[in-house]
N, C-alpha and C. Protein backbone atom coordinates (compact mmCIF):
# COMPACT_ATOMS: atom_id res chain seq x y z
N MET A 1 -114.23 -13.66 -211.47
CA MET A 1 -114.09 -14.18 -210.51
C MET A 1 -113.37 -15.44 -210.85
N THR A 2 -111.87 -16.45 -211.22
CA THR A 2 -112.22 -18.07 -211.53
C THR A 2 -112.42 -18.83 -210.92
N ALA A 3 -111.20 -18.24 -209.69
CA ALA A 3 -111.62 -19.69 -208.17
C ALA A 3 -113.07 -19.82 -207.96
N ILE A 4 -113.17 -21.27 -207.98
CA ILE A 4 -114.42 -22.04 -207.13
C ILE A 4 -115.04 -21.33 -205.79
N LEU A 5 -115.93 -20.37 -205.96
CA LEU A 5 -116.54 -20.40 -203.99
C LEU A 5 -117.60 -21.27 -203.51
N THR A 6 -118.44 -21.63 -202.48
CA THR A 6 -118.44 -22.45 -202.01
C THR A 6 -119.96 -21.34 -201.75
N VAL A 7 -120.79 -21.87 -202.12
CA VAL A 7 -122.35 -21.15 -201.80
C VAL A 7 -123.12 -22.38 -200.73
N TYR A 8 -123.04 -21.33 -199.73
CA TYR A 8 -124.37 -22.92 -198.52
C TYR A 8 -125.56 -22.09 -198.82
N GLY A 9 -126.86 -22.78 -199.44
CA GLY A 9 -127.92 -22.09 -199.66
C GLY A 9 -128.92 -23.05 -199.80
N ASP A 10 -130.68 -22.68 -199.38
CA ASP A 10 -131.67 -23.38 -199.75
C ASP A 10 -132.43 -23.04 -201.05
N SER A 11 -132.47 -23.75 -201.25
CA SER A 11 -133.32 -23.58 -202.46
C SER A 11 -134.44 -23.04 -202.25
N ALA A 12 -135.12 -22.71 -201.54
CA ALA A 12 -136.81 -22.85 -201.18
C ALA A 12 -136.51 -21.63 -200.91
N SER A 13 -135.38 -20.98 -200.86
CA SER A 13 -135.19 -19.46 -200.31
C SER A 13 -134.84 -18.74 -201.31
N GLY A 14 -135.96 -17.61 -201.24
CA GLY A 14 -135.35 -16.58 -202.75
C GLY A 14 -133.80 -15.72 -201.96
N ASN A 15 -133.82 -15.68 -201.24
CA ASN A 15 -132.60 -14.66 -200.63
C ASN A 15 -131.67 -15.86 -201.68
N CYS A 16 -131.45 -16.99 -201.82
CA CYS A 16 -130.32 -17.79 -201.76
C CYS A 16 -130.92 -18.01 -202.91
N LEU A 17 -131.73 -18.17 -203.54
CA LEU A 17 -131.92 -18.31 -204.75
C LEU A 17 -131.01 -16.59 -205.91
N LYS A 18 -132.02 -15.99 -205.51
CA LYS A 18 -130.51 -14.81 -205.83
C LYS A 18 -129.59 -14.53 -206.61
N ILE A 19 -128.77 -15.85 -205.11
CA ILE A 19 -127.30 -15.61 -205.65
C ILE A 19 -127.10 -16.69 -206.06
N ARG A 20 -127.85 -17.20 -206.07
CA ARG A 20 -127.77 -18.91 -207.76
C ARG A 20 -127.74 -18.00 -209.17
N TYR A 21 -129.28 -17.50 -209.23
CA TYR A 21 -128.81 -16.93 -210.63
C TYR A 21 -128.07 -15.68 -210.78
N LEU A 22 -127.44 -14.98 -209.32
CA LEU A 22 -126.36 -14.60 -210.53
C LEU A 22 -124.99 -14.84 -211.00
N CYS A 23 -124.40 -16.11 -209.94
CA CYS A 23 -123.70 -17.07 -210.37
C CYS A 23 -123.97 -17.44 -211.87
N ASP A 24 -124.67 -18.20 -212.12
CA ASP A 24 -125.44 -18.33 -213.18
C ASP A 24 -125.87 -17.54 -214.09
N TYR A 25 -126.25 -15.89 -213.93
CA TYR A 25 -125.85 -15.56 -215.42
C TYR A 25 -124.45 -15.05 -215.49
N LEU A 26 -123.73 -15.00 -214.13
CA LEU A 26 -121.96 -14.29 -215.03
C LEU A 26 -121.38 -15.53 -214.83
N GLY A 27 -121.77 -16.50 -215.31
CA GLY A 27 -120.68 -17.70 -214.93
C GLY A 27 -119.37 -18.06 -213.77
N ILE A 28 -120.05 -17.33 -212.56
CA ILE A 28 -119.06 -17.79 -211.88
C ILE A 28 -119.24 -19.08 -210.78
N ALA A 29 -118.07 -20.05 -211.25
CA ALA A 29 -117.92 -20.99 -210.67
C ALA A 29 -118.26 -21.77 -209.52
N HIS A 30 -119.19 -21.61 -208.77
CA HIS A 30 -119.43 -22.00 -207.40
C HIS A 30 -120.20 -23.76 -207.20
N ASN A 31 -119.04 -23.88 -206.30
CA ASN A 31 -120.04 -25.36 -205.75
C ASN A 31 -121.73 -24.93 -204.34
N TRP A 32 -122.66 -25.56 -204.57
CA TRP A 32 -123.69 -24.83 -203.93
C TRP A 32 -123.94 -26.60 -202.60
N ILE A 33 -124.02 -25.79 -201.24
CA ILE A 33 -123.37 -26.47 -200.47
C ILE A 33 -124.94 -27.17 -200.18
N GLU A 34 -126.63 -27.45 -200.43
CA GLU A 34 -127.83 -27.70 -199.67
C GLU A 34 -128.29 -27.38 -198.32
N THR A 35 -128.77 -26.41 -198.14
CA THR A 35 -128.22 -26.04 -196.35
C THR A 35 -130.17 -26.12 -196.25
N SER A 36 -131.15 -26.61 -195.87
CA SER A 36 -132.20 -26.73 -195.32
C SER A 36 -132.35 -25.79 -194.02
N VAL A 37 -132.96 -24.63 -193.91
CA VAL A 37 -133.52 -23.88 -193.07
C VAL A 37 -134.69 -24.41 -192.09
N LEU A 38 -135.60 -25.55 -193.11
CA LEU A 38 -136.87 -26.12 -191.82
C LEU A 38 -135.96 -27.27 -191.44
N ALA A 39 -134.97 -27.88 -192.36
CA ALA A 39 -134.09 -28.99 -191.00
C ALA A 39 -133.48 -28.49 -189.82
N ARG A 40 -133.22 -27.36 -190.54
CA ARG A 40 -131.96 -26.39 -189.21
C ARG A 40 -130.48 -27.34 -189.00
N ALA A 41 -130.43 -27.21 -190.89
CA ALA A 41 -129.18 -26.98 -191.25
C ALA A 41 -128.85 -26.16 -190.87
N THR A 42 -129.23 -24.45 -190.38
CA THR A 42 -128.70 -23.29 -190.13
C THR A 42 -128.13 -23.92 -188.55
N ARG A 43 -128.07 -23.98 -188.32
CA ARG A 43 -128.52 -24.49 -186.55
C ARG A 43 -127.03 -25.89 -185.26
N THR A 44 -126.84 -26.02 -187.03
CA THR A 44 -125.46 -27.49 -186.51
C THR A 44 -123.79 -26.46 -186.33
N ALA A 45 -123.30 -26.95 -185.58
CA ALA A 45 -122.39 -26.40 -184.89
C ALA A 45 -121.31 -26.02 -185.46
N GLU A 46 -121.15 -26.75 -186.68
CA GLU A 46 -120.80 -26.26 -188.40
C GLU A 46 -120.84 -25.15 -188.89
N PHE A 47 -122.03 -24.97 -189.11
CA PHE A 47 -122.40 -23.94 -189.63
C PHE A 47 -122.34 -22.32 -188.35
N LEU A 48 -122.81 -22.81 -187.31
CA LEU A 48 -122.27 -21.24 -186.44
C LEU A 48 -121.14 -20.67 -186.63
N ALA A 49 -120.32 -21.98 -186.86
CA ALA A 49 -118.96 -21.21 -186.57
C ALA A 49 -119.01 -20.70 -188.09
N LEU A 50 -119.52 -20.44 -189.32
CA LEU A 50 -118.60 -20.14 -190.32
C LEU A 50 -120.31 -19.03 -190.07
N ASN A 51 -121.06 -18.71 -189.90
CA ASN A 51 -122.12 -17.50 -189.99
C ASN A 51 -123.15 -17.87 -187.99
N PRO A 52 -122.06 -17.28 -187.72
CA PRO A 52 -123.25 -17.40 -185.53
C PRO A 52 -124.17 -16.32 -186.40
N ALA A 53 -124.98 -15.86 -187.27
CA ALA A 53 -126.44 -15.58 -187.11
C ALA A 53 -126.87 -17.00 -187.34
N GLY A 54 -126.67 -17.68 -188.17
CA GLY A 54 -127.50 -18.98 -188.19
C GLY A 54 -128.45 -18.96 -189.43
N GLN A 55 -127.64 -18.47 -190.43
CA GLN A 55 -128.48 -18.25 -191.35
C GLN A 55 -128.00 -17.90 -192.86
N VAL A 56 -129.07 -18.60 -193.69
CA VAL A 56 -128.39 -18.64 -195.49
C VAL A 56 -128.59 -17.22 -196.02
N PRO A 57 -128.35 -17.05 -197.27
CA PRO A 57 -127.34 -17.45 -198.53
C PRO A 57 -125.54 -16.87 -197.20
N LEU A 58 -124.59 -18.93 -197.42
CA LEU A 58 -123.49 -17.94 -197.02
C LEU A 58 -123.10 -18.43 -197.90
N VAL A 59 -121.55 -17.40 -198.08
CA VAL A 59 -120.58 -17.34 -199.43
C VAL A 59 -118.92 -17.72 -198.65
N VAL A 60 -118.22 -19.19 -198.90
CA VAL A 60 -117.28 -19.49 -198.41
C VAL A 60 -116.37 -19.16 -199.13
N LEU A 61 -115.54 -17.67 -200.29
CA LEU A 61 -114.57 -17.39 -200.79
C LEU A 61 -113.92 -18.44 -200.99
N PRO A 62 -112.41 -19.27 -201.79
CA PRO A 62 -111.26 -19.50 -201.98
C PRO A 62 -110.39 -19.14 -201.10
N ASP A 63 -110.50 -18.23 -200.67
CA ASP A 63 -109.57 -18.25 -199.59
C ASP A 63 -109.98 -18.45 -198.23
N GLY A 64 -110.90 -18.41 -197.77
CA GLY A 64 -111.64 -18.89 -197.07
C GLY A 64 -112.86 -17.49 -196.32
N ARG A 65 -112.45 -16.46 -196.39
CA ARG A 65 -112.90 -15.50 -196.10
C ARG A 65 -115.32 -15.98 -196.40
N VAL A 66 -115.40 -15.55 -195.59
CA VAL A 66 -117.37 -16.07 -194.95
C VAL A 66 -117.48 -14.69 -195.08
N LEU A 67 -118.60 -14.66 -196.09
CA LEU A 67 -119.78 -13.17 -196.44
C LEU A 67 -121.22 -14.01 -196.28
N ALA A 68 -122.12 -12.82 -195.73
CA ALA A 68 -123.62 -13.62 -195.73
C ALA A 68 -124.07 -11.82 -195.87
N GLN A 69 -125.60 -12.22 -195.95
CA GLN A 69 -126.37 -11.38 -196.09
C GLN A 69 -126.76 -11.15 -197.81
N SER A 70 -127.91 -11.73 -198.53
CA SER A 70 -127.32 -11.45 -199.64
C SER A 70 -127.64 -10.71 -200.46
N GLY A 71 -128.09 -9.35 -200.54
CA GLY A 71 -127.20 -8.12 -200.57
C GLY A 71 -126.43 -7.56 -200.87
N ALA A 72 -125.52 -8.13 -199.56
CA ALA A 72 -124.01 -8.03 -199.39
C ALA A 72 -123.28 -8.94 -200.50
N ILE A 73 -123.98 -10.32 -200.78
CA ILE A 73 -122.90 -11.16 -201.24
C ILE A 73 -123.34 -10.93 -202.81
N LEU A 74 -124.99 -10.40 -203.20
CA LEU A 74 -124.98 -10.03 -204.27
C LEU A 74 -123.76 -8.90 -205.08
N LEU A 75 -123.72 -7.87 -204.36
CA LEU A 75 -122.74 -6.94 -204.66
C LEU A 75 -121.30 -7.21 -204.87
N PHE A 76 -120.54 -7.53 -204.09
CA PHE A 76 -119.33 -8.33 -203.31
C PHE A 76 -119.88 -9.54 -205.37
N LEU A 77 -120.11 -10.25 -205.45
CA LEU A 77 -119.92 -10.61 -207.28
C LEU A 77 -120.13 -9.98 -208.40
N GLY A 78 -121.48 -8.94 -208.21
CA GLY A 78 -122.52 -8.04 -209.61
C GLY A 78 -120.19 -7.67 -208.96
N GLU A 79 -119.78 -7.07 -208.38
CA GLU A 79 -119.03 -5.60 -208.72
C GLU A 79 -118.22 -6.22 -210.14
N GLY A 80 -118.03 -4.73 -211.19
CA GLY A 80 -117.15 -4.92 -212.00
C GLY A 80 -117.94 -5.36 -213.11
N SER A 81 -119.78 -5.97 -213.06
CA SER A 81 -120.88 -6.24 -213.88
C SER A 81 -121.31 -5.60 -214.60
N PRO A 82 -121.45 -5.72 -215.85
CA PRO A 82 -122.76 -4.62 -215.92
C PRO A 82 -124.31 -4.53 -214.96
N LEU A 83 -123.80 -5.59 -214.39
CA LEU A 83 -125.34 -5.07 -213.38
C LEU A 83 -125.58 -4.58 -212.62
N VAL A 84 -123.61 -3.39 -212.24
CA VAL A 84 -123.68 -2.33 -211.17
C VAL A 84 -123.92 -1.19 -211.63
N PRO A 85 -124.21 -0.48 -211.63
CA PRO A 85 -124.02 1.26 -212.57
C PRO A 85 -122.79 1.67 -212.41
N ALA A 86 -122.29 2.29 -213.71
CA ALA A 86 -120.66 2.91 -212.95
C ALA A 86 -120.92 4.27 -212.50
N ASP A 87 -122.10 4.92 -213.07
CA ASP A 87 -122.94 6.33 -212.35
C ASP A 87 -123.17 6.44 -211.11
N PRO A 88 -122.55 7.26 -209.95
CA PRO A 88 -122.68 7.22 -208.65
C PRO A 88 -124.68 7.54 -208.30
N TYR A 89 -124.83 8.20 -209.10
CA TYR A 89 -126.39 8.15 -208.84
C TYR A 89 -127.63 7.12 -209.11
N GLU A 90 -127.07 6.26 -210.24
CA GLU A 90 -127.68 5.46 -210.62
C GLU A 90 -127.03 3.70 -210.20
N ARG A 91 -126.28 3.98 -209.27
CA ARG A 91 -125.81 2.80 -208.80
C ARG A 91 -126.20 3.37 -207.18
N ALA A 92 -126.30 4.83 -206.55
CA ALA A 92 -127.38 4.64 -205.46
C ALA A 92 -129.13 3.85 -205.54
N ARG A 93 -129.58 4.17 -206.77
CA ARG A 93 -130.33 4.10 -206.77
C ARG A 93 -130.97 2.30 -206.40
N MET A 94 -129.99 1.80 -207.32
CA MET A 94 -129.81 -0.01 -207.57
C MET A 94 -130.03 -0.03 -205.71
N LEU A 95 -129.18 0.70 -204.79
CA LEU A 95 -128.83 0.03 -204.03
C LEU A 95 -129.90 -0.07 -202.81
N GLN A 96 -130.59 1.82 -203.64
CA GLN A 96 -132.38 1.72 -202.99
C GLN A 96 -132.86 0.99 -203.05
N PHE A 97 -133.41 0.20 -203.92
CA PHE A 97 -134.34 -0.75 -204.79
C PHE A 97 -133.87 -1.72 -203.60
N MET A 98 -132.30 -1.78 -203.60
CA MET A 98 -132.12 -3.46 -202.69
C MET A 98 -132.50 -3.31 -201.37
N PHE A 99 -131.59 -2.26 -201.06
CA PHE A 99 -132.40 -1.91 -199.33
C PHE A 99 -133.76 -1.74 -199.41
N TRP A 100 -134.72 -1.25 -200.05
CA TRP A 100 -136.32 -1.88 -199.90
C TRP A 100 -136.69 -2.60 -200.12
N GLU A 101 -136.16 -3.92 -200.96
CA GLU A 101 -136.73 -5.01 -200.65
C GLU A 101 -136.37 -6.45 -199.96
N GLN A 102 -135.41 -5.76 -198.96
CA GLN A 102 -134.85 -6.61 -198.10
C GLN A 102 -135.95 -5.87 -196.54
N TYR A 103 -136.24 -4.42 -196.72
CA TYR A 103 -136.58 -4.18 -195.81
C TYR A 103 -138.38 -3.60 -196.09
N SER A 104 -138.70 -3.63 -196.60
CA SER A 104 -140.40 -3.77 -197.01
C SER A 104 -141.10 -4.76 -197.78
N HIS A 105 -140.21 -5.21 -199.26
CA HIS A 105 -141.09 -6.23 -200.14
C HIS A 105 -140.80 -7.82 -198.76
N GLU A 106 -139.67 -7.90 -198.72
CA GLU A 106 -139.20 -9.45 -198.21
C GLU A 106 -140.01 -9.65 -197.13
N THR A 107 -139.66 -8.62 -196.36
CA THR A 107 -140.44 -8.89 -194.94
C THR A 107 -142.11 -9.04 -195.09
N ALA A 108 -142.42 -8.45 -196.22
CA ALA A 108 -143.86 -9.04 -196.17
C ALA A 108 -144.53 -10.53 -196.83
N ILE A 109 -143.66 -10.64 -198.05
CA ILE A 109 -144.21 -11.31 -198.85
C ILE A 109 -143.54 -12.95 -199.17
N ALA A 110 -141.86 -12.87 -198.45
CA ALA A 110 -140.89 -13.58 -197.70
C ALA A 110 -141.65 -14.54 -196.73
N VAL A 111 -142.07 -14.12 -195.82
CA VAL A 111 -143.02 -14.02 -194.87
C VAL A 111 -143.71 -14.86 -194.87
N ARG A 112 -144.72 -13.97 -195.63
CA ARG A 112 -146.04 -14.70 -195.79
C ARG A 112 -145.57 -16.21 -196.70
N ARG A 113 -144.94 -15.93 -197.57
CA ARG A 113 -145.11 -17.44 -198.73
C ARG A 113 -144.37 -18.38 -197.50
N PHE A 114 -143.58 -18.04 -196.41
CA PHE A 114 -142.98 -18.97 -195.73
C PHE A 114 -143.91 -19.47 -194.70
N HIS A 115 -145.00 -18.77 -193.60
CA HIS A 115 -146.08 -19.43 -193.16
C HIS A 115 -147.10 -19.60 -194.31
N LYS A 116 -147.41 -20.01 -195.34
CA LYS A 116 -148.64 -20.78 -196.12
C LYS A 116 -148.32 -21.97 -197.15
N HIS A 117 -146.88 -21.44 -197.02
CA HIS A 117 -146.18 -22.39 -198.60
C HIS A 117 -145.17 -23.27 -198.34
N LEU A 118 -144.52 -23.24 -196.60
CA LEU A 118 -142.80 -23.84 -197.06
C LEU A 118 -143.65 -24.55 -195.34
N ALA A 119 -144.93 -23.53 -194.96
CA ALA A 119 -144.73 -23.68 -193.08
C ALA A 119 -146.35 -25.07 -193.10
N GLY A 120 -147.38 -24.93 -193.86
CA GLY A 120 -148.35 -24.72 -194.22
C GLY A 120 -149.05 -24.17 -193.05
N ARG A 121 -149.49 -23.11 -192.76
CA ARG A 121 -150.22 -22.85 -192.55
C ARG A 121 -151.57 -22.10 -192.92
N ALA A 122 -152.77 -22.39 -192.49
CA ALA A 122 -154.07 -21.83 -192.65
C ALA A 122 -153.69 -19.95 -192.74
N ASP A 123 -154.24 -19.74 -193.83
CA ASP A 123 -154.10 -18.04 -193.47
C ASP A 123 -155.18 -17.50 -192.50
N ALA A 124 -155.62 -18.28 -191.67
CA ALA A 124 -156.73 -16.99 -190.65
C ALA A 124 -155.67 -17.85 -189.64
N ASP A 125 -154.71 -18.51 -189.69
CA ASP A 125 -153.72 -18.35 -188.89
C ASP A 125 -151.97 -17.21 -189.42
N ILE A 126 -152.50 -16.54 -190.35
CA ILE A 126 -151.33 -15.82 -191.22
C ILE A 126 -152.13 -14.37 -190.86
N ASP A 127 -150.93 -13.91 -190.00
CA ASP A 127 -151.30 -12.26 -189.40
C ASP A 127 -151.50 -12.07 -191.11
N PRO A 128 -152.90 -10.91 -190.82
CA PRO A 128 -153.42 -10.49 -192.11
C PRO A 128 -152.64 -9.26 -193.33
N TRP A 129 -151.59 -8.23 -191.81
CA TRP A 129 -150.92 -7.78 -191.80
C TRP A 129 -150.13 -7.88 -193.07
N LEU A 130 -149.73 -9.21 -193.23
CA LEU A 130 -148.18 -9.60 -194.27
C LEU A 130 -149.55 -9.47 -195.75
N LEU A 131 -150.39 -9.69 -195.84
CA LEU A 131 -151.22 -9.99 -196.66
C LEU A 131 -150.86 -7.82 -197.29
N THR A 132 -152.16 -7.26 -196.87
CA THR A 132 -151.98 -5.81 -196.40
C THR A 132 -150.32 -4.67 -197.01
N ARG A 133 -149.55 -5.54 -196.75
CA ARG A 133 -148.10 -4.76 -196.53
C ARG A 133 -147.76 -5.73 -198.20
N GLY A 134 -147.61 -6.78 -198.08
CA GLY A 134 -147.03 -7.66 -199.38
C GLY A 134 -148.15 -6.69 -200.70
N HIS A 135 -149.39 -6.38 -200.55
CA HIS A 135 -149.68 -5.54 -201.82
C HIS A 135 -149.84 -3.89 -202.32
N ALA A 136 -149.62 -3.59 -200.68
CA ALA A 136 -148.57 -2.75 -201.22
C ALA A 136 -147.56 -2.03 -201.27
N ALA A 137 -146.32 -3.32 -201.64
CA ALA A 137 -145.01 -3.40 -201.90
C ALA A 137 -145.17 -3.86 -203.30
N LEU A 138 -145.85 -4.42 -203.84
CA LEU A 138 -146.26 -5.30 -205.23
C LEU A 138 -147.13 -4.00 -205.38
N ALA A 139 -148.20 -3.27 -205.24
CA ALA A 139 -148.49 -1.82 -205.81
C ALA A 139 -147.31 -0.97 -206.02
N LEU A 140 -146.12 -0.57 -205.54
CA LEU A 140 -145.53 0.12 -205.69
C LEU A 140 -144.39 -0.21 -206.66
N MET A 141 -143.96 -0.90 -206.73
CA MET A 141 -143.23 -2.27 -208.03
C MET A 141 -143.80 -1.61 -209.51
N GLU A 142 -145.36 -1.96 -209.46
CA GLU A 142 -146.48 -2.08 -210.31
C GLU A 142 -146.16 -0.49 -211.06
N GLN A 143 -145.96 0.65 -210.22
CA GLN A 143 -146.29 2.11 -210.25
C GLN A 143 -144.67 2.51 -211.53
N HIS A 144 -143.79 1.56 -210.38
CA HIS A 144 -141.87 2.18 -210.90
C HIS A 144 -142.74 1.14 -212.26
N LEU A 145 -143.06 0.15 -212.34
CA LEU A 145 -142.60 -0.30 -213.96
C LEU A 145 -143.55 -0.24 -215.03
N GLN A 146 -144.66 0.93 -214.79
CA GLN A 146 -145.33 1.23 -215.26
C GLN A 146 -144.40 2.36 -216.53
N ALA A 147 -143.60 2.34 -216.16
CA ALA A 147 -142.54 3.83 -215.97
C ALA A 147 -141.45 3.15 -216.56
N HIS A 148 -140.66 2.10 -216.46
CA HIS A 148 -139.85 1.88 -216.58
C HIS A 148 -139.49 0.39 -216.74
N PRO A 149 -138.64 -0.14 -217.27
CA PRO A 149 -138.80 -1.79 -217.54
C PRO A 149 -138.01 -2.48 -217.08
N PHE A 150 -137.03 -1.40 -215.73
CA PHE A 150 -136.40 -2.93 -215.04
C PHE A 150 -136.44 -1.96 -213.59
N PHE A 151 -135.40 -1.83 -212.99
CA PHE A 151 -134.66 -1.54 -211.73
C PHE A 151 -133.54 -0.90 -211.46
N PRO A 152 -133.08 0.37 -211.57
CA PRO A 152 -134.64 0.97 -211.27
C PRO A 152 -134.60 1.65 -212.29
N ALA A 153 -133.85 1.67 -213.92
CA ALA A 153 -134.18 2.36 -214.94
C ALA A 153 -134.49 1.34 -216.06
N ASP A 154 -133.43 1.72 -217.31
CA ASP A 154 -133.96 0.98 -218.47
C ASP A 154 -132.88 0.02 -218.72
N ARG A 155 -132.42 -0.74 -217.52
CA ARG A 155 -131.90 -1.89 -217.65
C ARG A 155 -132.04 -2.61 -216.30
N LEU A 156 -131.38 -4.03 -217.05
CA LEU A 156 -131.19 -5.10 -215.83
C LEU A 156 -129.20 -4.65 -214.68
N THR A 157 -129.77 -4.59 -213.29
CA THR A 157 -129.26 -4.21 -212.49
C THR A 157 -129.55 -5.59 -211.72
N LEU A 158 -128.16 -5.20 -210.32
CA LEU A 158 -128.64 -6.42 -209.57
C LEU A 158 -130.03 -6.11 -208.22
N ALA A 159 -130.64 -4.74 -208.57
CA ALA A 159 -131.74 -4.94 -207.45
C ALA A 159 -132.47 -5.66 -208.47
N ASP A 160 -132.16 -5.97 -209.68
CA ASP A 160 -133.73 -6.84 -210.30
C ASP A 160 -133.30 -8.02 -209.61
N VAL A 161 -132.56 -9.00 -209.69
CA VAL A 161 -131.56 -10.44 -209.48
C VAL A 161 -132.44 -10.60 -208.20
N ALA A 162 -132.61 -8.99 -207.19
CA ALA A 162 -133.07 -8.92 -205.72
C ALA A 162 -134.36 -8.77 -205.55
N LEU A 163 -135.20 -8.61 -206.15
CA LEU A 163 -136.59 -8.09 -206.06
C LEU A 163 -137.49 -9.74 -207.12
N VAL A 164 -136.57 -10.24 -207.95
CA VAL A 164 -137.29 -10.91 -208.18
C VAL A 164 -137.43 -12.59 -208.20
N ALA A 165 -136.68 -12.81 -206.96
CA ALA A 165 -136.54 -13.42 -206.71
C ALA A 165 -138.21 -13.85 -205.73
N TYR A 166 -138.36 -13.11 -205.10
CA TYR A 166 -139.45 -13.74 -204.32
C TYR A 166 -140.80 -13.05 -205.32
N THR A 167 -141.15 -11.84 -205.71
CA THR A 167 -141.63 -11.52 -206.59
C THR A 167 -142.31 -12.44 -207.43
N ARG A 168 -141.04 -13.49 -207.92
CA ARG A 168 -141.77 -14.26 -209.12
C ARG A 168 -143.06 -15.73 -208.09
N LEU A 169 -142.15 -15.98 -206.99
CA LEU A 169 -142.36 -17.12 -205.85
C LEU A 169 -143.76 -16.22 -204.58
N ALA A 170 -144.39 -15.47 -205.20
CA ALA A 170 -145.67 -14.97 -204.78
C ALA A 170 -146.57 -15.20 -204.45
N PRO A 171 -146.89 -15.52 -205.63
CA PRO A 171 -148.63 -16.41 -205.61
C PRO A 171 -147.74 -18.14 -204.72
N GLU A 172 -147.22 -18.16 -204.10
CA GLU A 172 -147.28 -19.29 -202.79
C GLU A 172 -147.29 -19.24 -201.66
N GLY A 173 -147.19 -17.63 -201.71
CA GLY A 173 -148.06 -16.64 -200.88
C GLY A 173 -149.23 -16.13 -200.40
N GLY A 174 -149.86 -16.10 -201.46
CA GLY A 174 -151.17 -15.87 -201.54
C GLY A 174 -151.32 -14.78 -202.52
N PHE A 175 -150.37 -13.98 -203.03
CA PHE A 175 -150.99 -13.25 -203.49
C PHE A 175 -150.90 -13.62 -204.96
N ASP A 176 -151.94 -12.18 -205.20
CA ASP A 176 -151.95 -12.50 -207.14
C ASP A 176 -152.16 -11.86 -208.00
N LEU A 177 -150.95 -12.16 -208.88
CA LEU A 177 -150.51 -10.97 -209.29
C LEU A 177 -151.32 -10.40 -210.76
N GLY A 178 -151.93 -11.64 -210.65
CA GLY A 178 -153.06 -10.86 -211.68
C GLY A 178 -153.73 -9.33 -212.20
N PRO A 179 -153.89 -8.31 -210.63
CA PRO A 179 -153.86 -7.11 -210.76
C PRO A 179 -152.31 -6.10 -211.34
N TYR A 180 -151.18 -6.46 -211.62
CA TYR A 180 -150.03 -5.98 -211.58
C TYR A 180 -149.74 -6.32 -212.54
N PRO A 181 -150.24 -6.01 -214.17
CA PRO A 181 -149.46 -6.93 -215.69
C PRO A 181 -148.39 -5.59 -215.48
N ALA A 182 -147.56 -4.66 -215.23
CA ALA A 182 -146.71 -4.63 -215.78
C ALA A 182 -145.37 -5.32 -214.68
N ILE A 183 -145.58 -5.92 -213.38
CA ILE A 183 -145.17 -6.67 -212.66
C ILE A 183 -144.96 -7.98 -213.43
N ALA A 184 -145.92 -8.41 -214.12
CA ALA A 184 -145.70 -9.67 -215.40
C ALA A 184 -145.18 -9.45 -215.95
N GLY A 185 -144.92 -8.64 -216.84
CA GLY A 185 -144.11 -8.40 -217.20
C GLY A 185 -142.73 -8.22 -217.51
N TRP A 186 -142.53 -7.70 -216.47
CA TRP A 186 -141.39 -7.63 -216.09
C TRP A 186 -140.36 -8.53 -215.57
N ILE A 187 -141.31 -9.39 -214.40
CA ILE A 187 -141.10 -11.16 -214.18
C ILE A 187 -140.24 -12.15 -215.90
N ALA A 188 -140.98 -11.69 -216.64
CA ALA A 188 -140.53 -12.36 -217.89
C ALA A 188 -139.78 -11.60 -218.10
N ARG A 189 -139.50 -10.66 -218.44
CA ARG A 189 -138.20 -10.11 -218.57
C ARG A 189 -136.93 -10.50 -218.53
N VAL A 190 -136.88 -10.00 -217.01
CA VAL A 190 -135.44 -10.78 -216.11
C VAL A 190 -135.27 -12.13 -216.65
N GLU A 191 -136.87 -12.84 -216.28
CA GLU A 191 -136.72 -14.53 -216.34
C GLU A 191 -135.47 -15.36 -218.08
N THR A 192 -135.76 -13.75 -218.79
CA THR A 192 -135.78 -14.19 -220.03
C THR A 192 -134.43 -13.31 -219.85
N GLU A 193 -133.90 -12.60 -219.34
CA GLU A 193 -132.08 -12.09 -219.35
C GLU A 193 -131.36 -12.81 -218.94
N LEU A 194 -131.80 -13.61 -217.14
CA LEU A 194 -131.83 -14.63 -216.37
C LEU A 194 -131.19 -16.31 -216.59
N LYS A 195 -132.19 -16.59 -217.76
CA LYS A 195 -132.09 -17.45 -218.16
C LYS A 195 -132.91 -18.84 -216.91
N ILE A 196 -133.39 -17.61 -216.39
CA ILE A 196 -134.82 -18.07 -214.97
C ILE A 196 -135.13 -19.32 -216.09
N GLU A 197 -135.52 -21.27 -215.23
CA GLU A 197 -136.37 -21.89 -215.93
C GLU A 197 -137.85 -21.90 -214.64
């Protein structure tokens, strides 16, 4: 993509950081418009006219078309790049991990991080299920990464971009990554590949 697109994103959100990581990695020129969820910038009439769901990230293409949801945006922007496997089965396995990230990983790790780190709630005021569910997700990742360097297998894909955003921020949600050495190694590899500081 050579034309400049517009990204509405909140830098505190892992879902938004995924889009920033991908754009930077692929050299996709874009205008980033900081859109704070906590400041209710996603609830203005102007923003809701673009995305009635009131969520970021949101991308406005140079021709005016709008695309929401981090996974859909990643796939659209990453199409044709080495981050998307050409083999249909490997592509489906990549998507499998991306869907799992949104259903089983983000819903625990990102939600607990929001309550603890961004909303400033005490641990006693946060649903304990989130910690249990988050550690279960991390354990599954650890098991996979003991046999493979990336998701789904041997090279960086969009699944790694999707998973690394909230995993590297998990300590802010009270998740100790010490017991997960394979995850720590994977985070370092992905940060190196994506040039995340």
